[in-house]
Amino acid sequence: MTQRRTALVTGGLGSLGEATAKALHDAGHNVLVTYFPGHEDPQSWLSRTASEGYAFKAYPVDVADFDSCQQCAEQVFADGHQVDILVNNAGITRDASLAKLDKDNWDAVLRTNLDSVFNMTKSFYGPMVQRGWGRIISISSVNGSKGAFGQTNYSAAKAGIYGFTKALALETARKGVTVNSVSPGYLDTPMVRLVPEDVLKNQVIPQIPMGRLGQPSEIAALVTFIASEAAGFMTGENVAMNGGQHMY
């Protein structure tokens, strides 16, 4: 029987965040999610997922801001939760070639996609170490491994997650806390569907040997395994799931 743990998924209202929250809930865990205050309203999302049989609790946090993450952690602890599984999922894109990329959009992506991993992990991993059990899983990207035209900011941030993961894994390996990352390929999400249809059909999908976009539920299943007791001997790894687009 799976031991019931408490999981926290950042960016939980997005497609991959929701799929991950549902998969962890289906595995028997208590699941908390975060949302971006002022930009996302969790009430309709919570009502919809509740009607589907899911009981989530949502916390506002700006993952790019260290103090906001600390305040979120304090509220989670005050509500009586101990976070055993942290999924650093929140992320944004601000694509442009380097010639056209301005400093604000560089900073926004690095803060949201990479600084957030430090901010949230710093806020929650200490009690995991004290209890002698924890799972830290950060969502990277295929483009952190292979690069992508117009994504110097995004690729740099997602590649940075690898180094963070490997270094922290060494620090916590003997303390019962595993640290891993997952690198999805192109998924069937609203963000990817914003890409013009002809670009998807003629440029993106032909690069994927499986000939299709991935499903958020497929990534969520992988995350749920890494969060399980069965994955206790796995740490410091980046696990790719990209339909064969990039093999390494």
Protein backbone atom coordinates (compact mmCIF):
# COMPACT_ATOMS: atom_id res chain seq x y z
CA MET A 1 0.00 0.00 0.00
CA THR A 2 1.28 3.47 -0.89
CA GLN A 3 1.99 5.57 2.16
CA ARG A 4 -0.04 8.75 2.10
CA ARG A 5 2.22 11.78 1.76
CA THR A 6 1.64 15.47 1.18
CA ALA A 7 2.70 16.86 -2.19
CA LEU A 8 3.01 20.48 -3.26
CA VAL A 9 2.85 21.26 -7.00
CA THR A 10 3.80 24.77 -8.11
CA GLY A 11 1.96 26.15 -11.11
CA GLY A 12 -0.78 23.69 -10.29
CA LEU A 13 -3.49 25.39 -12.33
CA GLY A 14 -1.70 24.86 -15.66
CA SER A 15 -2.12 21.79 -17.85
CA LEU A 16 0.94 19.89 -16.63
CA GLY A 17 0.48 21.09 -13.06
CA GLU A 18 -3.12 19.90 -13.00
CA ALA A 19 -2.24 16.53 -14.53
CA THR A 20 0.52 16.09 -11.96
CA ALA A 21 -1.72 17.07 -9.06
CA LYS A 22 -4.37 14.61 -10.21
CA ALA A 23 -1.87 11.78 -10.67
CA LEU A 24 -0.42 12.31 -7.20
CA HIS A 25 -3.94 12.46 -5.74
CA ASP A 26 -4.84 9.24 -7.57
CA ALA A 27 -1.75 7.65 -6.00
CA GLY A 28 -3.23 8.36 -2.58
CA HIS A 29 -1.46 11.56 -1.61
CA ASN A 30 -2.76 14.79 -0.12
CA VAL A 31 -2.08 17.44 -2.77
CA LEU A 32 -1.52 21.18 -2.43
CA VAL A 33 -1.07 23.47 -5.43
CA THR A 34 0.16 27.01 -5.88
CA TYR A 35 -1.11 29.73 -8.18
CA PHE A 36 0.12 33.17 -9.24
CA PRO A 37 -1.83 35.78 -7.19
CA GLY A 38 -3.48 38.50 -9.20
CA HIS A 39 -3.13 36.55 -12.43
CA GLU A 40 -4.88 33.28 -11.64
CA ASP A 41 -8.16 32.72 -9.77
CA PRO A 42 -8.23 29.24 -8.23
CA GLN A 43 -11.90 29.18 -7.27
CA SER A 44 -13.37 27.97 -10.54
CA TRP A 45 -10.46 25.55 -10.94
CA LEU A 46 -10.99 24.15 -7.44
CA SER A 47 -14.74 23.81 -8.07
CA ARG A 48 -14.19 22.01 -11.36
CA THR A 49 -11.60 19.59 -10.00
CA ALA A 50 -13.76 18.97 -6.91
CA SER A 51 -16.64 17.98 -9.21
CA GLU A 52 -14.23 15.46 -10.75
CA GLY A 53 -13.50 13.94 -7.34
CA TYR A 54 -10.30 15.78 -6.43
CA ALA A 55 -9.73 17.58 -3.13
CA PHE A 56 -6.96 20.14 -3.53
CA LYS A 57 -5.93 23.16 -1.50
CA ALA A 58 -4.48 26.17 -3.34
CA TYR A 59 -1.94 28.68 -2.04
CA PRO A 60 -1.01 31.99 -3.64
CA VAL A 61 2.69 32.51 -4.29
CA ASP A 62 4.98 34.34 -6.66
CA VAL A 63 7.60 31.65 -7.13
CA ALA A 64 10.03 34.22 -8.56
CA ASP A 65 10.06 36.08 -5.24
CA PHE A 66 11.95 34.51 -2.32
CA ASP A 67 9.94 36.29 0.39
CA SER A 68 6.66 35.21 -1.21
CA CYS A 69 7.86 31.59 -1.17
CA GLN A 70 8.85 31.87 2.48
CA GLN A 71 5.42 33.27 3.33
CA CYS A 72 3.75 30.46 1.40
CA ALA A 73 5.74 27.89 3.35
CA GLU A 74 4.82 29.52 6.65
CA GLN A 75 1.13 29.37 5.73
CA VAL A 76 1.37 25.74 4.63
CA PHE A 77 3.03 24.82 7.92
CA ALA A 78 0.53 26.89 9.91
CA ASP A 79 -2.28 24.93 8.23
CA GLY A 80 -0.76 21.74 9.65
CA HIS A 81 0.79 20.35 6.48
CA GLN A 82 4.23 18.81 6.15
CA VAL A 83 5.38 18.75 2.55
CA ASP A 84 7.01 15.44 1.64
CA ILE A 85 6.95 15.82 -2.16
CA LEU A 86 7.80 19.11 -3.86
CA VAL A 87 7.20 19.43 -7.60
CA ASN A 88 8.78 22.58 -9.03
CA ASN A 89 6.57 22.90 -12.09
CA ALA A 90 5.85 26.63 -12.50
CA GLY A 91 7.35 28.22 -15.58
CA ILE A 92 6.89 30.77 -18.36
CA THR A 93 8.21 31.51 -21.83
CA ARG A 94 9.23 34.86 -23.32
CA ASP A 95 10.67 33.76 -26.65
CA ALA A 96 12.84 35.94 -28.87
CA SER A 97 16.16 35.64 -30.64
CA LEU A 98 19.00 37.08 -28.59
CA ALA A 99 19.17 40.09 -30.90
CA LYS A 100 15.57 40.93 -29.98
CA LEU A 101 15.51 39.66 -26.38
CA ASP A 102 15.39 42.45 -23.83
CA LYS A 103 16.71 42.32 -20.28
CA ASP A 104 13.23 42.30 -18.71
CA ASN A 105 12.23 39.13 -20.55
CA TRP A 106 15.58 37.50 -19.79
CA ASP A 107 15.11 38.27 -16.10
CA ALA A 108 11.46 37.21 -16.02
CA VAL A 109 12.22 33.74 -17.39
CA LEU A 110 15.33 33.17 -15.26
CA ARG A 111 13.51 34.27 -12.10
CA THR A 112 10.35 32.28 -12.76
CA ASN A 113 11.93 29.12 -14.19
CA LEU A 114 15.21 28.84 -12.26
CA ASP A 115 15.25 31.15 -9.23
CA SER A 116 11.89 29.60 -8.31
CA VAL A 117 13.52 26.20 -7.90
CA PHE A 118 15.88 27.65 -5.31
CA ASN A 119 13.13 29.72 -3.68
CA MET A 120 10.67 26.87 -3.21
CA THR A 121 13.19 24.15 -2.43
CA LYS A 122 14.92 26.34 0.16
CA SER A 123 11.54 26.91 1.79
CA PHE A 124 10.54 23.25 2.08
CA TYR A 125 13.48 20.86 1.97
CA GLY A 126 14.79 21.42 5.52
CA PRO A 127 11.93 19.61 7.26
CA MET A 128 12.25 16.77 4.73
CA VAL A 129 15.86 16.31 5.78
CA GLN A 130 14.88 16.42 9.44
CA ARG A 131 12.23 13.73 8.91
CA GLY A 132 14.56 11.62 6.78
CA TRP A 133 12.25 11.37 3.76
CA GLY A 134 11.48 13.61 0.83
CA ARG A 135 11.15 13.95 -2.92
CA ILE A 136 12.14 17.07 -4.85
CA ILE A 137 11.24 16.93 -8.54
CA SER A 138 11.81 19.87 -10.87
CA ILE A 139 10.34 20.16 -14.34
CA SER A 140 13.00 21.04 -16.89
CA SER A 141 12.64 20.70 -20.68
CA VAL A 142 14.03 19.01 -23.75
CA ASN A 143 15.21 22.47 -24.76
CA GLY A 144 17.39 22.64 -21.68
CA SER A 145 19.31 19.72 -23.18
CA LYS A 146 19.36 20.49 -26.89
CA GLY A 147 18.66 24.22 -27.04
CA ALA A 148 16.06 25.93 -29.18
CA PHE A 149 16.13 28.88 -31.54
CA GLY A 150 14.71 31.95 -29.80
CA GLN A 151 14.97 30.46 -26.32
CA THR A 152 18.33 31.49 -24.88
CA ASN A 153 16.52 32.55 -21.71
CA TYR A 154 14.30 29.45 -21.43
CA SER A 155 17.03 26.98 -22.39
CA ALA A 156 19.50 28.54 -19.95
CA ALA A 157 16.99 28.38 -17.10
CA LYS A 158 15.97 24.80 -17.83
CA ALA A 159 19.61 23.70 -18.18
CA GLY A 160 20.37 25.35 -14.85
CA ILE A 161 17.86 23.03 -13.20
CA TYR A 162 20.14 20.10 -14.07
CA GLY A 163 23.08 21.52 -12.16
CA PHE A 164 20.93 22.43 -9.17
CA THR A 165 19.44 18.94 -9.12
CA LYS A 166 22.77 17.11 -9.24
CA ALA A 167 24.41 19.28 -6.59
CA LEU A 168 21.53 19.12 -4.12
CA ALA A 169 21.17 15.38 -4.69
CA LEU A 170 24.72 14.95 -3.37
CA GLU A 171 23.89 16.99 -0.29
CA THR A 172 20.76 15.00 0.60
CA ALA A 173 21.57 11.49 -0.67
CA ARG A 174 22.28 10.11 2.80
CA LYS A 175 19.37 11.97 4.37
CA GLY A 176 16.48 10.18 2.71
CA VAL A 177 15.66 13.02 0.30
CA THR A 178 15.95 12.35 -3.44
CA VAL A 179 16.35 15.17 -5.96
CA ASN A 180 15.57 14.63 -9.63
CA SER A 181 14.40 16.51 -12.71
CA VAL A 182 12.12 15.60 -15.58
CA SER A 183 12.55 16.98 -19.10
CA PRO A 184 9.38 16.79 -21.17
CA GLY A 185 9.34 17.29 -24.89
CA TYR A 186 6.58 19.20 -26.65
CA LEU A 187 3.25 18.53 -24.94
CA ASP A 188 -0.35 18.98 -25.99
CA THR A 189 -0.94 22.03 -23.80
CA PRO A 190 -2.47 25.47 -24.41
CA MET A 191 1.05 26.96 -24.41
CA VAL A 192 2.18 24.71 -27.25
CA ARG A 193 -1.12 25.09 -29.08
CA LEU A 194 -0.39 28.83 -29.31
CA VAL A 195 2.26 27.90 -31.86
CA PRO A 196 0.77 28.45 -35.34
CA GLU A 197 -0.76 25.25 -36.68
CA ASP A 198 1.45 25.20 -39.77
CA VAL A 199 4.57 25.51 -37.59
CA LEU A 200 3.41 22.65 -35.39
CA LYS A 201 2.55 20.48 -38.37
CA ASN A 202 5.54 21.23 -40.55
CA GLN A 203 8.35 22.02 -38.11
CA VAL A 204 7.70 20.77 -34.57
CA ILE A 205 5.99 17.40 -34.95
CA PRO A 206 8.27 16.18 -37.78
CA GLN A 207 11.18 16.47 -35.31
CA ILE A 208 9.46 13.99 -32.96
CA PRO A 209 10.04 10.37 -34.06
CA MET A 210 6.76 9.27 -32.47
CA GLY A 211 4.99 11.79 -34.69
CA ARG A 212 2.82 13.38 -32.01
CA LEU A 213 2.81 15.72 -29.04
CA GLY A 214 3.11 14.23 -25.58
CA GLN A 215 0.25 14.22 -23.13
CA PRO A 216 0.55 15.97 -19.75
CA SER A 217 -0.77 12.79 -18.13
CA GLU A 218 2.25 10.88 -19.43
CA ILE A 219 4.67 13.28 -17.73
CA ALA A 220 2.50 13.25 -14.60
CA ALA A 221 2.75 9.46 -14.41
CA LEU A 222 6.54 9.72 -14.54
CA VAL A 223 6.61 12.35 -11.82
CA THR A 224 4.36 10.20 -9.65
CA PHE A 225 6.72 7.25 -10.00
CA ILE A 226 9.75 9.38 -9.05
CA ALA A 227 7.79 10.55 -6.01
CA SER A 228 7.04 6.99 -4.93
CA GLU A 229 8.72 4.69 -2.43
CA ALA A 230 9.77 2.48 -5.35
CA ALA A 231 12.03 5.23 -6.71
CA GLY A 232 13.99 5.60 -3.49
CA PHE A 233 17.32 4.56 -5.09
CA MET A 234 17.06 7.21 -7.80
CA THR A 235 18.62 10.63 -7.22
CA GLY A 236 20.53 13.27 -9.15
CA GLU A 237 18.95 12.20 -12.41
CA ASN A 238 17.30 14.00 -15.28
CA VAL A 239 14.67 11.81 -16.92
CA ALA A 240 13.71 12.69 -20.48
CA MET A 241 10.31 11.96 -22.00
CA ASN A 242 10.17 13.58 -25.40
CA GLY A 243 8.96 11.03 -27.94
CA GLY A 244 12.51 10.37 -29.12
CA GLN A 245 13.11 13.98 -30.17
CA HIS A 246 16.39 14.18 -28.27
CA MET A 247 18.25 11.09 -27.06
CA TYR A 248 21.22 11.37 -24.72
